[in-house]
């Protein structure tokens, strides 16, 4: 997609990649996650909380579900 044979091509690559990342971040739902993937050239990983024991109380289950929701909305870079 990019031809980086000279210094000006490297600048074009950097500028174009930043423009694509900004466009994706502002246009799509969860675009910031995709922007990070473009900028860092890796896929964000999602670290979920440990599983609950089977005898967990209802409040612990609700708290765990909130943590899972938070993790899936904000994956780390």
N, C-alpha and C. Protein backbone atom coordinates (compact mmCIF):
# COMPACT_ATOMS: atom_id res chain seq x y z
N UNK A 1 0.82 -1.19 0.00
CA UNK A 1 0.00 0.00 0.00
C UNK A 1 0.86 1.26 0.00
N UNK A 2 1.99 1.21 0.70
CA UNK A 2 2.87 2.37 0.79
C UNK A 2 4.20 2.07 0.12
N UNK A 3 4.77 3.09 -0.52
CA UNK A 3 6.10 2.98 -1.10
C UNK A 3 7.00 3.95 -0.34
N UNK A 4 7.89 3.43 0.48
CA UNK A 4 8.74 4.27 1.33
C UNK A 4 10.19 4.23 0.85
N UNK A 5 10.42 4.59 -0.39
CA UNK A 5 11.76 4.53 -0.96
C UNK A 5 12.60 5.74 -0.59
N UNK A 6 11.99 6.86 -0.27
CA UNK A 6 12.77 8.05 0.08
C UNK A 6 12.16 8.71 1.32
N UNK A 7 12.83 9.74 1.80
CA UNK A 7 12.40 10.41 3.04
C UNK A 7 11.01 11.03 2.90
N UNK A 8 10.69 11.58 1.75
CA UNK A 8 9.37 12.19 1.57
C UNK A 8 8.28 11.12 1.60
N UNK A 9 8.61 9.91 1.15
CA UNK A 9 7.63 8.83 1.19
C UNK A 9 7.37 8.39 2.63
N UNK A 10 8.39 8.44 3.46
CA UNK A 10 8.22 8.10 4.87
C UNK A 10 7.27 9.11 5.53
N UNK A 11 7.45 10.38 5.21
CA UNK A 11 6.55 11.41 5.75
C UNK A 11 5.12 11.18 5.28
N UNK A 12 4.96 10.83 4.01
CA UNK A 12 3.62 10.55 3.49
C UNK A 12 2.99 9.37 4.23
N UNK A 13 3.79 8.33 4.47
CA UNK A 13 3.30 7.15 5.19
C UNK A 13 2.81 7.55 6.58
N UNK A 14 3.64 8.33 7.29
CA UNK A 14 3.27 8.74 8.65
C UNK A 14 2.02 9.60 8.63
N UNK A 15 1.96 10.57 7.74
CA UNK A 15 0.80 11.46 7.68
C UNK A 15 -0.46 10.71 7.27
N UNK A 16 -0.36 9.84 6.27
CA UNK A 16 -1.52 9.10 5.80
C UNK A 16 -2.03 8.15 6.88
N UNK A 17 -1.13 7.48 7.57
CA UNK A 17 -1.53 6.57 8.64
C UNK A 17 -2.23 7.32 9.76
N UNK A 18 -1.71 8.48 10.12
CA UNK A 18 -2.35 9.30 11.16
C UNK A 18 -3.73 9.78 10.71
N UNK A 19 -3.85 10.17 9.45
CA UNK A 19 -5.15 10.62 8.93
C UNK A 19 -6.17 9.47 8.93
N UNK A 20 -5.73 8.28 8.54
CA UNK A 20 -6.63 7.13 8.54
C UNK A 20 -7.06 6.81 9.96
N UNK A 21 -6.12 6.82 10.90
CA UNK A 21 -6.44 6.53 12.30
C UNK A 21 -7.42 7.55 12.86
N UNK A 22 -7.22 8.82 12.55
CA UNK A 22 -8.12 9.87 13.02
C UNK A 22 -9.51 9.72 12.41
N UNK A 23 -9.58 9.42 11.13
CA UNK A 23 -10.86 9.21 10.46
C UNK A 23 -11.63 8.07 11.10
N UNK A 24 -10.95 6.95 11.32
CA UNK A 24 -11.60 5.79 11.92
C UNK A 24 -12.08 6.11 13.33
N UNK A 25 -11.25 6.81 14.10
CA UNK A 25 -11.60 7.13 15.49
C UNK A 25 -12.82 8.02 15.58
N UNK A 26 -12.98 8.93 14.63
CA UNK A 26 -14.10 9.88 14.70
C UNK A 26 -15.34 9.41 13.96
N UNK A 27 -15.22 8.40 13.12
CA UNK A 27 -16.33 7.98 12.29
C UNK A 27 -17.07 6.76 12.83
N UNK A 28 -16.35 5.79 13.36
CA UNK A 28 -16.94 4.52 13.72
C UNK A 28 -17.13 4.36 15.22
N UNK A 29 -18.14 3.57 15.58
CA UNK A 29 -18.34 3.22 16.98
C UNK A 29 -17.15 2.38 17.43
N UNK A 30 -16.61 2.65 18.59
CA UNK A 30 -15.39 2.01 19.11
C UNK A 30 -14.20 2.26 18.19
N UNK A 31 -14.23 3.38 17.51
CA UNK A 31 -13.15 3.71 16.58
C UNK A 31 -11.82 3.96 17.24
N UNK A 32 -11.83 4.38 18.51
CA UNK A 32 -10.57 4.61 19.20
C UNK A 32 -9.78 3.33 19.38
N UNK A 33 -10.48 2.21 19.56
CA UNK A 33 -9.78 0.93 19.66
C UNK A 33 -9.09 0.59 18.35
N UNK A 34 -9.76 0.85 17.24
CA UNK A 34 -9.17 0.60 15.93
C UNK A 34 -8.03 1.58 15.68
N UNK A 35 -8.20 2.82 16.12
CA UNK A 35 -7.13 3.82 15.97
C UNK A 35 -5.87 3.34 16.68
N UNK A 36 -6.01 2.82 17.89
CA UNK A 36 -4.84 2.31 18.62
C UNK A 36 -4.20 1.15 17.88
N UNK A 37 -5.02 0.30 17.29
CA UNK A 37 -4.48 -0.84 16.54
C UNK A 37 -3.69 -0.34 15.33
N UNK A 38 -4.18 0.70 14.67
CA UNK A 38 -3.47 1.25 13.52
C UNK A 38 -2.17 1.92 13.95
N UNK A 39 -2.22 2.70 15.02
CA UNK A 39 -1.04 3.43 15.45
C UNK A 39 0.05 2.51 16.02
N UNK A 40 -0.34 1.51 16.80
CA UNK A 40 0.63 0.62 17.44
C UNK A 40 0.91 -0.64 16.63
N UNK A 41 0.18 -0.83 15.53
CA UNK A 41 0.34 -1.99 14.66
C UNK A 41 0.17 -3.31 15.41
N UNK A 42 -0.79 -3.34 16.33
CA UNK A 42 -1.15 -4.58 17.00
C UNK A 42 -2.62 -4.55 17.38
N UNK A 43 -3.17 -5.71 17.62
CA UNK A 43 -4.57 -5.81 17.99
C UNK A 43 -4.69 -5.66 19.51
N UNK A 44 -5.58 -4.78 19.99
CA UNK A 44 -5.74 -4.63 21.44
C UNK A 44 -6.18 -5.95 22.08
N UNK A 45 -5.62 -6.21 23.25
CA UNK A 45 -6.01 -7.42 23.98
C UNK A 45 -6.99 -7.06 25.09
N UNK A 46 -7.87 -7.97 25.34
CA UNK A 46 -8.88 -7.76 26.39
C UNK A 46 -8.58 -8.73 27.52
N UNK A 47 -8.25 -8.21 28.69
CA UNK A 47 -8.01 -9.05 29.85
C UNK A 47 -9.28 -9.05 30.69
N UNK A 48 -9.95 -10.16 30.71
CA UNK A 48 -11.18 -10.29 31.48
C UNK A 48 -10.87 -10.67 32.92
N UNK A 49 -11.76 -10.30 33.85
CA UNK A 49 -11.56 -10.71 35.23
C UNK A 49 -11.70 -12.22 35.38
N UNK A 50 -11.10 -12.76 36.43
CA UNK A 50 -11.18 -14.20 36.69
C UNK A 50 -12.63 -14.63 36.87
N UNK A 51 -12.90 -15.88 36.56
CA UNK A 51 -14.25 -16.42 36.72
C UNK A 51 -14.66 -16.43 38.19
N UNK A 52 -15.95 -16.31 38.40
CA UNK A 52 -16.50 -16.35 39.75
C UNK A 52 -16.66 -17.81 40.21
N UNK A 53 -16.55 -18.04 41.51
CA UNK A 53 -16.88 -19.37 42.00
C UNK A 53 -18.38 -19.63 41.83
N UNK A 54 -18.76 -20.88 41.77
CA UNK A 54 -20.17 -21.21 41.53
C UNK A 54 -21.07 -20.80 42.68
N UNK A 55 -20.51 -20.64 43.87
CA UNK A 55 -21.33 -20.28 45.03
C UNK A 55 -21.28 -18.78 45.34
N UNK A 56 -20.94 -17.94 44.36
CA UNK A 56 -20.85 -16.49 44.57
C UNK A 56 -22.23 -15.90 44.82
N UNK A 57 -22.24 -14.86 45.64
CA UNK A 57 -23.52 -14.20 45.93
C UNK A 57 -23.93 -13.31 44.77
N UNK A 58 -25.17 -12.90 44.79
CA UNK A 58 -25.73 -12.11 43.68
C UNK A 58 -24.98 -10.79 43.50
N UNK A 59 -24.63 -10.13 44.59
CA UNK A 59 -23.91 -8.85 44.51
C UNK A 59 -22.55 -9.04 43.84
N UNK A 60 -21.87 -10.13 44.16
CA UNK A 60 -20.57 -10.40 43.54
C UNK A 60 -20.74 -10.66 42.05
N UNK A 61 -21.82 -11.34 41.66
CA UNK A 61 -22.08 -11.61 40.25
C UNK A 61 -22.32 -10.31 39.49
N UNK A 62 -23.11 -9.40 40.09
CA UNK A 62 -23.39 -8.11 39.45
C UNK A 62 -22.10 -7.30 39.29
N UNK A 63 -21.28 -7.30 40.34
CA UNK A 63 -20.02 -6.56 40.28
C UNK A 63 -19.12 -7.15 39.20
N UNK A 64 -19.06 -8.47 39.10
CA UNK A 64 -18.25 -9.13 38.10
C UNK A 64 -18.74 -8.79 36.69
N UNK A 65 -20.06 -8.78 36.50
CA UNK A 65 -20.63 -8.43 35.19
C UNK A 65 -20.26 -7.01 34.80
N UNK A 66 -20.26 -6.08 35.76
CA UNK A 66 -19.87 -4.69 35.47
C UNK A 66 -18.40 -4.63 35.05
N UNK A 67 -17.54 -5.41 35.73
CA UNK A 67 -16.12 -5.43 35.36
C UNK A 67 -15.93 -5.97 33.95
N UNK A 68 -16.67 -7.01 33.61
CA UNK A 68 -16.58 -7.58 32.27
C UNK A 68 -17.03 -6.56 31.24
N UNK A 69 -18.14 -5.88 31.51
CA UNK A 69 -18.62 -4.84 30.59
C UNK A 69 -17.58 -3.75 30.39
N UNK A 70 -16.95 -3.32 31.47
CA UNK A 70 -15.92 -2.28 31.39
C UNK A 70 -14.73 -2.75 30.57
N UNK A 71 -14.31 -4.00 30.79
CA UNK A 71 -13.15 -4.54 30.05
C UNK A 71 -13.44 -4.64 28.55
N UNK A 72 -14.64 -5.03 28.20
CA UNK A 72 -14.94 -5.19 26.79
C UNK A 72 -15.15 -3.85 26.09
N UNK A 73 -15.46 -2.80 26.84
CA UNK A 73 -15.62 -1.49 26.23
C UNK A 73 -14.28 -0.76 26.10
N UNK A 74 -13.32 -1.04 26.96
CA UNK A 74 -12.05 -0.34 26.95
C UNK A 74 -10.87 -1.31 26.97
N UNK A 75 -10.58 -2.00 25.85
CA UNK A 75 -9.44 -2.89 25.84
C UNK A 75 -8.14 -2.12 25.93
N UNK A 76 -7.14 -2.74 26.50
CA UNK A 76 -5.85 -2.06 26.64
C UNK A 76 -5.07 -2.12 25.33
N UNK A 77 -4.18 -1.14 25.08
CA UNK A 77 -3.41 -1.13 23.83
C UNK A 77 -2.35 -2.19 23.80
